[in-house]
Amino acid sequence: ARRRPGARARTLRAAGLELDPVRRTVLRDGRPLELSVKEFAVLEALL
């Protein structure tokens, strides 16, 4: 999925959020967040 043409950079960043799809981590302003599988997927899609 990361190699697919047009795929974005591994770490997604916007509005103080950092999402790493590989490590499955989310930070807001440096603070780690615990998200459910679907919450993570929704945030990844929006980012």
ModelCIF file with pLDDT and N, C-alpha, C, O atoms, coordinates in Angstrom:
data_MODEL
#
_entry.id   MODEL 
#
_entity.id                         1 
_entity.type                       polymer 
_entity.pdbx_number_of_molecules   1 
#
_entity_poly.entity_id                      1 
_entity_poly.type                           'polypeptide(L)' 
_entity_poly.nstd_linkage                   no 
_entity_poly.nstd_monomer                   no 
_entity_poly.pdbx_seq_one_letter_code       ARRRPGARARTLRAAGLELDPVRRTVLRDGRPLELSVKEFAVLEALL 
_entity_poly.pdbx_seq_one_letter_code_can   ARRRPGARARTLRAAGLELDPVRRTVLRDGRPLELSVKEFAVLEALL 
_entity_poly.pdbx_strand_id                 A 
#
loop_
_entity_poly_seq.entity_id 
_entity_poly_seq.num 
_entity_poly_seq.mon_id 
_entity_poly_seq.hetero 
1 1  ALA n 
1 2  ARG n 
1 3  ARG n 
1 4  ARG n 
1 5  PRO n 
1 6  GLY n 
1 7  ALA n 
1 8  ARG n 
1 9  ALA n 
1 10 ARG n 
1 11 THR n 
1 12 LEU n 
1 13 ARG n 
1 14 ALA n 
1 15 ALA n 
1 16 GLY n 
1 17 LEU n 
1 18 GLU n 
1 19 LEU n 
1 20 ASP n 
1 21 PRO n 
1 22 VAL n 
1 23 ARG n 
1 24 ARG n 
1 25 THR n 
1 26 VAL n 
1 27 LEU n 
1 28 ARG n 
1 29 ASP n 
1 30 GLY n 
1 31 ARG n 
1 32 PRO n 
1 33 LEU n 
1 34 GLU n 
1 35 LEU n 
1 36 SER n 
1 37 VAL n 
1 38 LYS n 
1 39 GLU n 
1 40 PHE n 
1 41 ALA n 
1 42 VAL n 
1 43 LEU n 
1 44 GLU n 
1 45 ALA n 
1 46 LEU n 
1 47 LEU n 
#
_struct_asym.id          A 
_struct_asym.entity_id   1 
#
loop_
_ma_qa_metric.id 
_ma_qa_metric.mode 
_ma_qa_metric.name 
_ma_qa_metric.software_group_id 
_ma_qa_metric.type 
1 global pLDDT . pLDDT 
2 local  pLDDT . pLDDT 
#
_ma_qa_metric_global.metric_id      1 
_ma_qa_metric_global.metric_value   86.85 
_ma_qa_metric_global.model_id       1 
_ma_qa_metric_global.ordinal_id     1 
#
loop_
_ma_qa_metric_local.label_asym_id 
_ma_qa_metric_local.label_comp_id 
_ma_qa_metric_local.label_seq_id 
_ma_qa_metric_local.metric_id 
_ma_qa_metric_local.metric_value 
_ma_qa_metric_local.model_id 
_ma_qa_metric_local.ordinal_id 
A ALA 1  2 88.00 1 1  
A ARG 2  2 83.00 1 2  
A ARG 3  2 84.00 1 3  
A ARG 4  2 81.00 1 4  
A PRO 5  2 73.00 1 5  
A GLY 6  2 64.00 1 6  
A ALA 7  2 60.00 1 7  
A ARG 8  2 58.00 1 8  
A ALA 9  2 57.00 1 9  
A ARG 10 2 73.00 1 10 
A THR 11 2 84.00 1 11 
A LEU 12 2 89.00 1 12 
A ARG 13 2 89.00 1 13 
A ALA 14 2 90.00 1 14 
A ALA 15 2 89.00 1 15 
A GLY 16 2 91.00 1 16 
A LEU 17 2 94.00 1 17 
A GLU 18 2 94.00 1 18 
A LEU 19 2 93.00 1 19 
A ASP 20 2 90.00 1 20 
A PRO 21 2 83.00 1 21 
A VAL 22 2 73.00 1 22 
A ARG 23 2 80.00 1 23 
A ARG 24 2 85.00 1 24 
A THR 25 2 92.00 1 25 
A VAL 26 2 95.00 1 26 
A LEU 27 2 95.00 1 27 
A ARG 28 2 94.00 1 28 
A ASP 29 2 92.00 1 29 
A GLY 30 2 92.00 1 30 
A ARG 31 2 94.00 1 31 
A PRO 32 2 95.00 1 32 
A LEU 33 2 95.00 1 33 
A GLU 34 2 94.00 1 34 
A LEU 35 2 94.00 1 35 
A SER 36 2 92.00 1 36 
A VAL 37 2 89.00 1 37 
A LYS 38 2 91.00 1 38 
A GLU 39 2 94.00 1 39 
A PHE 40 2 93.00 1 40 
A ALA 41 2 91.00 1 41 
A VAL 42 2 93.00 1 42 
A LEU 43 2 95.00 1 43 
A GLU 44 2 91.00 1 44 
A ALA 45 2 90.00 1 45 
A LEU 46 2 94.00 1 46 
A LEU 47 2 92.00 1 47 
#
loop_
_atom_site.group_PDB 
_atom_site.id 
_atom_site.type_symbol 
_atom_site.label_atom_id 
_atom_site.label_alt_id 
_atom_site.label_comp_id 
_atom_site.label_asym_id 
_atom_site.label_entity_id 
_atom_site.label_seq_id 
_atom_site.pdbx_PDB_ins_code 
_atom_site.Cartn_x 
_atom_site.Cartn_y 
_atom_site.Cartn_z 
_atom_site.occupancy 
_atom_site.B_iso_or_equiv 
_atom_site.pdbx_formal_charge 
_atom_site.auth_seq_id 
_atom_site.auth_comp_id 
_atom_site.auth_asym_id 
_atom_site.auth_atom_id 
_atom_site.pdbx_PDB_model_num 
ATOM 1   N N  . ALA A 1 1  ? 0.835   -1.205 0.000  1.00 88.00 ? 1  ALA A N  1 
ATOM 2   C CA . ALA A 1 1  ? 0.000   0.000  0.000  1.00 88.00 ? 1  ALA A CA 1 
ATOM 3   C C  . ALA A 1 1  ? 0.868   1.253  0.000  1.00 88.00 ? 1  ALA A C  1 
ATOM 4   O O  . ALA A 1 1  ? 0.523   2.243  -0.645 1.00 88.00 ? 1  ALA A O  1 
ATOM 5   N N  . ARG A 1 2  ? 1.992   1.220  0.718  1.00 83.00 ? 2  ARG A N  1 
ATOM 6   C CA . ARG A 1 2  ? 2.892   2.376  0.743  1.00 83.00 ? 2  ARG A CA 1 
ATOM 7   C C  . ARG A 1 2  ? 3.581   2.566  -0.597 1.00 83.00 ? 2  ARG A C  1 
ATOM 8   O O  . ARG A 1 2  ? 3.916   3.692  -0.966 1.00 83.00 ? 2  ARG A O  1 
ATOM 9   N N  . ARG A 1 3  ? 3.797   1.487  -1.329 1.00 84.00 ? 3  ARG A N  1 
ATOM 10  C CA . ARG A 1 3  ? 4.484   1.556  -2.617 1.00 84.00 ? 3  ARG A CA 1 
ATOM 11  C C  . ARG A 1 3  ? 3.549   1.922  -3.762 1.00 84.00 ? 3  ARG A C  1 
ATOM 12  O O  . ARG A 1 3  ? 4.007   2.217  -4.866 1.00 84.00 ? 3  ARG A O  1 
ATOM 13  N N  . ARG A 1 4  ? 2.250   1.906  -3.510 1.00 81.00 ? 4  ARG A N  1 
ATOM 14  C CA . ARG A 1 4  ? 1.306   2.189  -4.592 1.00 81.00 ? 4  ARG A CA 1 
ATOM 15  C C  . ARG A 1 4  ? 1.559   3.597  -5.137 1.00 81.00 ? 4  ARG A C  1 
ATOM 16  O O  . ARG A 1 4  ? 1.769   4.529  -4.361 1.00 81.00 ? 4  ARG A O  1 
ATOM 17  N N  . PRO A 1 5  ? 1.542   3.759  -6.447 1.00 73.00 ? 5  PRO A N  1 
ATOM 18  C CA . PRO A 1 5  ? 1.756   5.097  -7.018 1.00 73.00 ? 5  PRO A CA 1 
ATOM 19  C C  . PRO A 1 5  ? 0.783   6.110  -6.425 1.00 73.00 ? 5  PRO A C  1 
ATOM 20  O O  . PRO A 1 5  ? -0.422  5.870  -6.358 1.00 73.00 ? 5  PRO A O  1 
ATOM 21  N N  . GLY A 1 6  ? 1.324   7.236  -5.999 1.00 64.00 ? 6  GLY A N  1 
ATOM 22  C CA . GLY A 1 6  ? 0.490   8.266  -5.398 1.00 64.00 ? 6  GLY A CA 1 
ATOM 23  C C  . GLY A 1 6  ? 0.360   8.146  -3.897 1.00 64.00 ? 6  GLY A C  1 
ATOM 24  O O  . GLY A 1 6  ? -0.250  9.006  -3.263 1.00 64.00 ? 6  GLY A O  1 
ATOM 25  N N  . ALA A 1 7  ? 0.930   7.081  -3.303 1.00 60.00 ? 7  ALA A N  1 
ATOM 26  C CA . ALA A 1 7  ? 0.852   6.933  -1.850 1.00 60.00 ? 7  ALA A CA 1 
ATOM 27  C C  . ALA A 1 7  ? 1.632   8.061  -1.182 1.00 60.00 ? 7  ALA A C  1 
ATOM 28  O O  . ALA A 1 7  ? 2.662   8.514  -1.680 1.00 60.00 ? 7  ALA A O  1 
ATOM 29  N N  . ARG A 1 8  ? 1.116   8.494  -0.055 1.00 58.00 ? 8  ARG A N  1 
ATOM 30  C CA . ARG A 1 8  ? 1.743   9.599  0.675  1.00 58.00 ? 8  ARG A CA 1 
ATOM 31  C C  . ARG A 1 8  ? 2.894   9.103  1.540  1.00 58.00 ? 8  ARG A C  1 
ATOM 32  O O  . ARG A 1 8  ? 3.106   7.899  1.680  1.00 58.00 ? 8  ARG A O  1 
ATOM 33  N N  . ALA A 1 9  ? 3.631   10.041 2.117  1.00 57.00 ? 9  ALA A N  1 
ATOM 34  C CA . ALA A 1 9  ? 4.729   9.713  3.017  1.00 57.00 ? 9  ALA A CA 1 
ATOM 35  C C  . ALA A 1 9  ? 4.233   8.895  4.202  1.00 57.00 ? 9  ALA A C  1 
ATOM 36  O O  . ALA A 1 9  ? 3.054   8.939  4.552  1.00 57.00 ? 9  ALA A O  1 
ATOM 37  N N  . ARG A 1 10 ? 5.153   8.145  4.816  1.00 73.00 ? 10 ARG A N  1 
ATOM 38  C CA . ARG A 1 10 ? 4.755   7.210  5.857  1.00 73.00 ? 10 ARG A CA 1 
ATOM 39  C C  . ARG A 1 10 ? 4.084   7.917  7.018  1.00 73.00 ? 10 ARG A C  1 
ATOM 40  O O  . ARG A 1 10 ? 2.993   7.520  7.428  1.00 73.00 ? 10 ARG A O  1 
ATOM 41  N N  . THR A 1 11 ? 4.706   8.956  7.560  1.00 84.00 ? 11 THR A N  1 
ATOM 42  C CA . THR A 1 11 ? 4.120   9.681  8.689  1.00 84.00 ? 11 THR A CA 1 
ATOM 43  C C  . THR A 1 11 ? 3.242   10.804 8.158  1.00 84.00 ? 11 THR A C  1 
ATOM 44  O O  . THR A 1 11 ? 3.700   11.646 7.386  1.00 84.00 ? 11 THR A O  1 
ATOM 45  N N  . LEU A 1 12 ? 1.988   10.815 8.570  1.00 89.00 ? 12 LEU A N  1 
ATOM 46  C CA . LEU A 1 12 ? 1.022   11.819 8.122  1.00 89.00 ? 12 LEU A CA 1 
ATOM 47  C C  . LEU A 1 12 ? 0.917   12.895 9.190  1.00 89.00 ? 12 LEU A C  1 
ATOM 48  O O  . LEU A 1 12 ? 0.773   12.583 10.372 1.00 89.00 ? 12 LEU A O  1 
ATOM 49  N N  . ARG A 1 13 ? 0.987   14.159 8.788  1.00 89.00 ? 13 ARG A N  1 
ATOM 50  C CA . ARG A 1 13 ? 0.982   15.262 9.750  1.00 89.00 ? 13 ARG A CA 1 
ATOM 51  C C  . ARG A 1 13 ? 0.015   16.348 9.304  1.00 89.00 ? 13 ARG A C  1 
ATOM 52  O O  . ARG A 1 13 ? -0.024  16.714 8.129  1.00 89.00 ? 13 ARG A O  1 
ATOM 53  N N  . ALA A 1 14 ? -0.759  16.857 10.245 1.00 90.00 ? 14 ALA A N  1 
ATOM 54  C CA . ALA A 1 14 ? -1.630  18.013 10.004 1.00 90.00 ? 14 ALA A CA 1 
ATOM 55  C C  . ALA A 1 14 ? -2.219  18.444 11.334 1.00 90.00 ? 14 ALA A C  1 
ATOM 56  O O  . ALA A 1 14 ? -2.555  17.609 12.174 1.00 90.00 ? 14 ALA A O  1 
ATOM 57  N N  . ALA A 1 15 ? -2.341  19.747 11.520 1.00 89.00 ? 15 ALA A N  1 
ATOM 58  C CA . ALA A 1 15 ? -3.029  20.329 12.681 1.00 89.00 ? 15 ALA A CA 1 
ATOM 59  C C  . ALA A 1 15 ? -2.532  19.774 14.013 1.00 89.00 ? 15 ALA A C  1 
ATOM 60  O O  . ALA A 1 15 ? -3.327  19.520 14.918 1.00 89.00 ? 15 ALA A O  1 
ATOM 61  N N  . GLY A 1 16 ? -1.220  19.587 14.133 1.00 91.00 ? 16 GLY A N  1 
ATOM 62  C CA . GLY A 1 16 ? -0.657  19.089 15.386 1.00 91.00 ? 16 GLY A CA 1 
ATOM 63  C C  . GLY A 1 16 ? -0.765  17.593 15.566 1.00 91.00 ? 16 GLY A C  1 
ATOM 64  O O  . GLY A 1 16 ? -0.366  17.067 16.605 1.00 91.00 ? 16 GLY A O  1 
ATOM 65  N N  . LEU A 1 17 ? -1.298  16.891 14.573 1.00 94.00 ? 17 LEU A N  1 
ATOM 66  C CA . LEU A 1 17 ? -1.435  15.434 14.635 1.00 94.00 ? 17 LEU A CA 1 
ATOM 67  C C  . LEU A 1 17 ? -0.301  14.777 13.862 1.00 94.00 ? 17 LEU A C  1 
ATOM 68  O O  . LEU A 1 17 ? 0.124   15.280 12.822 1.00 94.00 ? 17 LEU A O  1 
ATOM 69  N N  . GLU A 1 18 ? 0.184   13.654 14.373 1.00 94.00 ? 18 GLU A N  1 
ATOM 70  C CA . GLU A 1 18 ? 1.159   12.834 13.664 1.00 94.00 ? 18 GLU A CA 1 
ATOM 71  C C  . GLU A 1 18 ? 0.688   11.388 13.727 1.00 94.00 ? 18 GLU A C  1 
ATOM 72  O O  . GLU A 1 18 ? 0.510   10.834 14.811 1.00 94.00 ? 18 GLU A O  1 
ATOM 73  N N  . LEU A 1 19 ? 0.485   10.780 12.565 1.00 93.00 ? 19 LEU A N  1 
ATOM 74  C CA . LEU A 1 19 ? 0.024   9.390  12.509 1.00 93.00 ? 19 LEU A CA 1 
ATOM 75  C C  . LEU A 1 19 ? 1.022   8.577  11.708 1.00 93.00 ? 19 LEU A C  1 
ATOM 76  O O  . LEU A 1 19 ? 1.356   8.923  10.574 1.00 93.00 ? 19 LEU A O  1 
ATOM 77  N N  . ASP A 1 20 ? 1.497   7.490  12.306 1.00 90.00 ? 20 ASP A N  1 
ATOM 78  C CA . ASP A 1 20 ? 2.421   6.577  11.641 1.00 90.00 ? 20 ASP A CA 1 
ATOM 79  C C  . ASP A 1 20 ? 1.675   5.282  11.332 1.00 90.00 ? 20 ASP A C  1 
ATOM 80  O O  . ASP A 1 20 ? 1.418   4.499  12.246 1.00 90.00 ? 20 ASP A O  1 
ATOM 81  N N  . PRO A 1 21 ? 1.315   5.032  10.054 1.00 83.00 ? 21 PRO A N  1 
ATOM 82  C CA . PRO A 1 21 ? 0.548   3.832  9.722  1.00 83.00 ? 21 PRO A CA 1 
ATOM 83  C C  . PRO A 1 21 ? 1.298   2.534  9.973  1.00 83.00 ? 21 PRO A C  1 
ATOM 84  O O  . PRO A 1 21 ? 0.673   1.496  10.193 1.00 83.00 ? 21 PRO A O  1 
ATOM 85  N N  . VAL A 1 22 ? 2.634   2.571  9.943  1.00 73.00 ? 22 VAL A N  1 
ATOM 86  C CA . VAL A 1 22 ? 3.418   1.359  10.145 1.00 73.00 ? 22 VAL A CA 1 
ATOM 87  C C  . VAL A 1 22 ? 3.477   0.987  11.621 1.00 73.00 ? 22 VAL A C  1 
ATOM 88  O O  . VAL A 1 22 ? 3.195   -0.151 11.996 1.00 73.00 ? 22 VAL A O  1 
ATOM 89  N N  . ARG A 1 23 ? 3.842   1.947  12.445 1.00 80.00 ? 23 ARG A N  1 
ATOM 90  C CA . ARG A 1 23 ? 3.928   1.677  13.877 1.00 80.00 ? 23 ARG A CA 1 
ATOM 91  C C  . ARG A 1 23 ? 2.568   1.735  14.575 1.00 80.00 ? 23 ARG A C  1 
ATOM 92  O O  . ARG A 1 23 ? 2.440   1.369  15.743 1.00 80.00 ? 23 ARG A O  1 
ATOM 93  N N  . ARG A 1 24 ? 1.551   2.206  13.833 1.00 85.00 ? 24 ARG A N  1 
ATOM 94  C CA . ARG A 1 24 ? 0.192   2.302  14.367 1.00 85.00 ? 24 ARG A CA 1 
ATOM 95  C C  . ARG A 1 24 ? 0.144   3.213  15.582 1.00 85.00 ? 24 ARG A C  1 
ATOM 96  O O  . ARG A 1 24 ? -0.459  2.880  16.602 1.00 85.00 ? 24 ARG A O  1 
ATOM 97  N N  . THR A 1 25 ? 0.792   4.375  15.459 1.00 92.00 ? 25 THR A N  1 
ATOM 98  C CA . THR A 1 25 ? 0.835   5.342  16.560 1.00 92.00 ? 25 THR A CA 1 
ATOM 99  C C  . THR A 1 25 ? 0.227   6.665  16.120 1.00 92.00 ? 25 THR A C  1 
ATOM 100 O O  . THR A 1 25 ? 0.280   7.032  14.946 1.00 92.00 ? 25 THR A O  1 
ATOM 101 N N  . VAL A 1 26 ? -0.354  7.376  17.088 1.00 95.00 ? 26 VAL A N  1 
ATOM 102 C CA . VAL A 1 26 ? -0.917  8.704  16.847 1.00 95.00 ? 26 VAL A CA 1 
ATOM 103 C C  . VAL A 1 26 ? -0.468  9.626  17.968 1.00 95.00 ? 26 VAL A C  1 
ATOM 104 O O  . VAL A 1 26 ? -0.549  9.276  19.146 1.00 95.00 ? 26 VAL A O  1 
ATOM 105 N N  . LEU A 1 27 ? 0.009   10.811 17.590 1.00 95.00 ? 27 LEU A N  1 
ATOM 106 C CA . LEU A 1 27 ? 0.380   11.833 18.564 1.00 95.00 ? 27 LEU A CA 1 
ATOM 107 C C  . LEU A 1 27 ? -0.417  13.094 18.291 1.00 95.00 ? 27 LEU A C  1 
ATOM 108 O O  . LEU A 1 27 ? -0.662  13.442 17.136 1.00 95.00 ? 27 LEU A O  1 
ATOM 109 N N  . ARG A 1 28 ? -0.822  13.779 19.353 1.00 94.00 ? 28 ARG A N  1 
ATOM 110 C CA . ARG A 1 28 ? -1.349  15.132 19.186 1.00 94.00 ? 28 ARG A CA 1 
ATOM 111 C C  . ARG A 1 28 ? -0.503  16.066 20.032 1.00 94.00 ? 28 ARG A C  1 
ATOM 112 O O  . ARG A 1 28 ? -0.448  15.949 21.256 1.00 94.00 ? 28 ARG A O  1 
ATOM 113 N N  . ASP A 1 29 ? 0.146   16.981 19.363 1.00 92.00 ? 29 ASP A N  1 
ATOM 114 C CA . ASP A 1 29 ? 1.066   17.900 20.036 1.00 92.00 ? 29 ASP A CA 1 
ATOM 115 C C  . ASP A 1 29 ? 2.057   17.131 20.908 1.00 92.00 ? 29 ASP A C  1 
ATOM 116 O O  . ASP A 1 29 ? 2.374   17.542 22.024 1.00 92.00 ? 29 ASP A O  1 
ATOM 117 N N  . GLY A 1 30 ? 2.540   16.000 20.371 1.00 92.00 ? 30 GLY A N  1 
ATOM 118 C CA . GLY A 1 30 ? 3.526   15.181 21.071 1.00 92.00 ? 30 GLY A CA 1 
ATOM 119 C C  . GLY A 1 30 ? 2.947   14.224 22.084 1.00 92.00 ? 30 GLY A C  1 
ATOM 120 O O  . GLY A 1 30 ? 3.688   13.435 22.671 1.00 92.00 ? 30 GLY A O  1 
ATOM 121 N N  . ARG A 1 31 ? 1.639   14.266 22.309 1.00 94.00 ? 31 ARG A N  1 
ATOM 122 C CA . ARG A 1 31 ? 1.000   13.396 23.307 1.00 94.00 ? 31 ARG A CA 1 
ATOM 123 C C  . ARG A 1 31 ? 0.417   12.165 22.619 1.00 94.00 ? 31 ARG A C  1 
ATOM 124 O O  . ARG A 1 31 ? -0.378  12.297 21.688 1.00 94.00 ? 31 ARG A O  1 
ATOM 125 N N  . PRO A 1 32 ? 0.808   10.952 23.073 1.00 95.00 ? 32 PRO A N  1 
ATOM 126 C CA . PRO A 1 32 ? 0.284   9.742  22.434 1.00 95.00 ? 32 PRO A CA 1 
ATOM 127 C C  . PRO A 1 32 ? -1.203  9.543  22.735 1.00 95.00 ? 32 PRO A C  1 
ATOM 128 O O  . PRO A 1 32 ? -1.682  9.851  23.826 1.00 95.00 ? 32 PRO A O  1 
ATOM 129 N N  . LEU A 1 33 ? -1.916  9.019  21.739 1.00 95.00 ? 33 LEU A N  1 
ATOM 130 C CA . LEU A 1 33 ? -3.346  8.761  21.879 1.00 95.00 ? 33 LEU A CA 1 
ATOM 131 C C  . LEU A 1 33 ? -3.617  7.281  21.656 1.00 95.00 ? 33 LEU A C  1 
ATOM 132 O O  . LEU A 1 33 ? -2.942  6.626  20.862 1.00 95.00 ? 33 LEU A O  1 
ATOM 133 N N  . GLU A 1 34 ? -4.610  6.764  22.363 1.00 94.00 ? 34 GLU A N  1 
ATOM 134 C CA . GLU A 1 34 ? -5.035  5.375  22.196 1.00 94.00 ? 34 GLU A CA 1 
ATOM 135 C C  . GLU A 1 34 ? -6.353  5.368  21.427 1.00 94.00 ? 34 GLU A C  1 
ATOM 136 O O  . GLU A 1 34 ? -7.381  5.817  21.935 1.00 94.00 ? 34 GLU A O  1 
ATOM 137 N N  . LEU A 1 35 ? -6.313  4.855  20.204 1.00 94.00 ? 35 LEU A N  1 
ATOM 138 C CA . LEU A 1 35 ? -7.498  4.818  19.365 1.00 94.00 ? 35 LEU A CA 1 
ATOM 139 C C  . LEU A 1 35 ? -7.882  3.378  19.047 1.00 94.00 ? 35 LEU A C  1 
ATOM 140 O O  . LEU A 1 35 ? -7.034  2.486  19.010 1.00 94.00 ? 35 LEU A O  1 
ATOM 141 N N  . SER A 1 36 ? -9.175  3.169  18.817 1.00 92.00 ? 36 SER A N  1 
ATOM 142 C CA . SER A 1 36 ? -9.624  1.861  18.354 1.00 92.00 ? 36 SER A CA 1 
ATOM 143 C C  . SER A 1 36 ? -9.195  1.663  16.900 1.00 92.00 ? 36 SER A C  1 
ATOM 144 O O  . SER A 1 36 ? -8.743  2.604  16.248 1.00 92.00 ? 36 SER A O  1 
ATOM 145 N N  . VAL A 1 37 ? -9.337  0.445  16.401 1.00 89.00 ? 37 VAL A N  1 
ATOM 146 C CA . VAL A 1 37 ? -8.940  0.144  15.028 1.00 89.00 ? 37 VAL A CA 1 
ATOM 147 C C  . VAL A 1 37 ? -9.676  1.042  14.034 1.00 89.00 ? 37 VAL A C  1 
ATOM 148 O O  . VAL A 1 37 ? -9.053  1.601  13.131 1.00 89.00 ? 37 VAL A O  1 
ATOM 149 N N  . LYS A 1 38 ? -10.989 1.186  14.190 1.00 91.00 ? 38 LYS A N  1 
ATOM 150 C CA . LYS A 1 38 ? -11.764 1.999  13.245 1.00 91.00 ? 38 LYS A CA 1 
ATOM 151 C C  . LYS A 1 38 ? -11.483 3.483  13.425 1.00 91.00 ? 38 LYS A C  1 
ATOM 152 O O  . LYS A 1 38 ? -11.429 4.213  12.435 1.00 91.00 ? 38 LYS A O  1 
ATOM 153 N N  . GLU A 1 39 ? -11.304 3.952  14.649 1.00 94.00 ? 39 GLU A N  1 
ATOM 154 C CA . GLU A 1 39 ? -10.959 5.360  14.872 1.00 94.00 ? 39 GLU A CA 1 
ATOM 155 C C  . GLU A 1 39 ? -9.632  5.694  14.196 1.00 94.00 ? 39 GLU A C  1 
ATOM 156 O O  . GLU A 1 39 ? -9.492  6.744  13.571 1.00 94.00 ? 39 GLU A O  1 
ATOM 157 N N  . PHE A 1 40 ? -8.664  4.794  14.327 1.00 93.00 ? 40 PHE A N  1 
ATOM 158 C CA . PHE A 1 40 ? -7.363  4.993  13.687 1.00 93.00 ? 40 PHE A CA 1 
ATOM 159 C C  . PHE A 1 40 ? -7.527  5.059  12.172 1.00 93.00 ? 40 PHE A C  1 
ATOM 160 O O  . PHE A 1 40 ? -6.940  5.920  11.516 1.00 93.00 ? 40 PHE A O  1 
ATOM 161 N N  . ALA A 1 41 ? -8.326  4.146  11.618 1.00 91.00 ? 41 ALA A N  1 
ATOM 162 C CA . ALA A 1 41 ? -8.503  4.098  10.169 1.00 91.00 ? 41 ALA A CA 1 
ATOM 163 C C  . ALA A 1 41 ? -9.205  5.351  9.648  1.00 91.00 ? 41 ALA A C  1 
ATOM 164 O O  . ALA A 1 41 ? -8.850  5.860  8.584  1.00 91.00 ? 41 ALA A O  1 
ATOM 165 N N  . VAL A 1 42 ? -10.195 5.854  10.384 1.00 93.00 ? 42 VAL A N  1 
ATOM 166 C CA . VAL A 1 42 ? -10.882 7.089  9.984  1.00 93.00 ? 42 VAL A CA 1 
ATOM 167 C C  . VAL A 1 42 ? -9.902  8.261  10.003 1.00 93.00 ? 42 VAL A C  1 
ATOM 168 O O  . VAL A 1 42 ? -9.859  9.057  9.066  1.00 93.00 ? 42 VAL A O  1 
ATOM 169 N N  . LEU A 1 43 ? -9.120  8.360  11.069 1.00 95.00 ? 43 LEU A N  1 
ATOM 170 C CA . LEU A 1 43 ? -8.151  9.456  11.165 1.00 95.00 ? 43 LEU A CA 1 
ATOM 171 C C  . LEU A 1 43 ? -7.116  9.357  10.047 1.00 95.00 ? 43 LEU A C  1 
ATOM 172 O O  . LEU A 1 43 ? -6.751  10.373 9.456  1.00 95.00 ? 43 LEU A O  1 
ATOM 173 N N  . GLU A 1 44 ? -6.641  8.155  9.750  1.00 91.00 ? 44 GLU A N  1 
ATOM 174 C CA . GLU A 1 44 ? -5.671  7.981  8.665  1.00 91.00 ? 44 GLU A CA 1 
ATOM 175 C C  . GLU A 1 44 ? -6.263  8.429  7.334  1.00 91.00 ? 44 GLU A C  1 
ATOM 176 O O  . GLU A 1 44 ? -5.601  9.118  6.558  1.00 91.00 ? 44 GLU A O  1 
ATOM 177 N N  . ALA A 1 45 ? -7.505  8.042  7.070  1.00 90.00 ? 45 ALA A N  1 
ATOM 178 C CA . ALA A 1 45 ? -8.148  8.428  5.811  1.00 90.00 ? 45 ALA A CA 1 
ATOM 179 C C  . ALA A 1 45 ? -8.270  9.947  5.703  1.00 90.00 ? 45 ALA A C  1 
ATOM 180 O O  . ALA A 1 45 ? -8.013  10.516 4.642  1.00 90.00 ? 45 ALA A O  1 
ATOM 181 N N  . LEU A 1 46 ? -8.661  10.605 6.795  1.00 94.00 ? 46 LEU A N  1 
ATOM 182 C CA . LEU A 1 46 ? -8.807  12.058 6.776  1.00 94.00 ? 46 LEU A CA 1 
ATOM 183 C C  . LEU A 1 46 ? -7.463  12.759 6.613  1.00 94.00 ? 46 LEU A C  1 
ATOM 184 O O  . LEU A 1 46 ? -7.360  13.761 5.905  1.00 94.00 ? 46 LEU A O  1 
ATOM 185 N N  . LEU A 1 47 ? -6.433  12.228 7.270  1.00 92.00 ? 47 LEU A N  1 
ATOM 186 C CA . LEU A 1 47 ? -5.117  12.847 7.152  1.00 92.00 ? 47 LEU A CA 1 
ATOM 187 C C  . LEU A 1 47 ? -4.545  12.681 5.743  1.00 92.00 ? 47 LEU A C  1 
ATOM 188 O O  . LEU A 1 47 ? -3.439  13.145 5.467  1.00 92.00 ? 47 LEU A O  1 
#
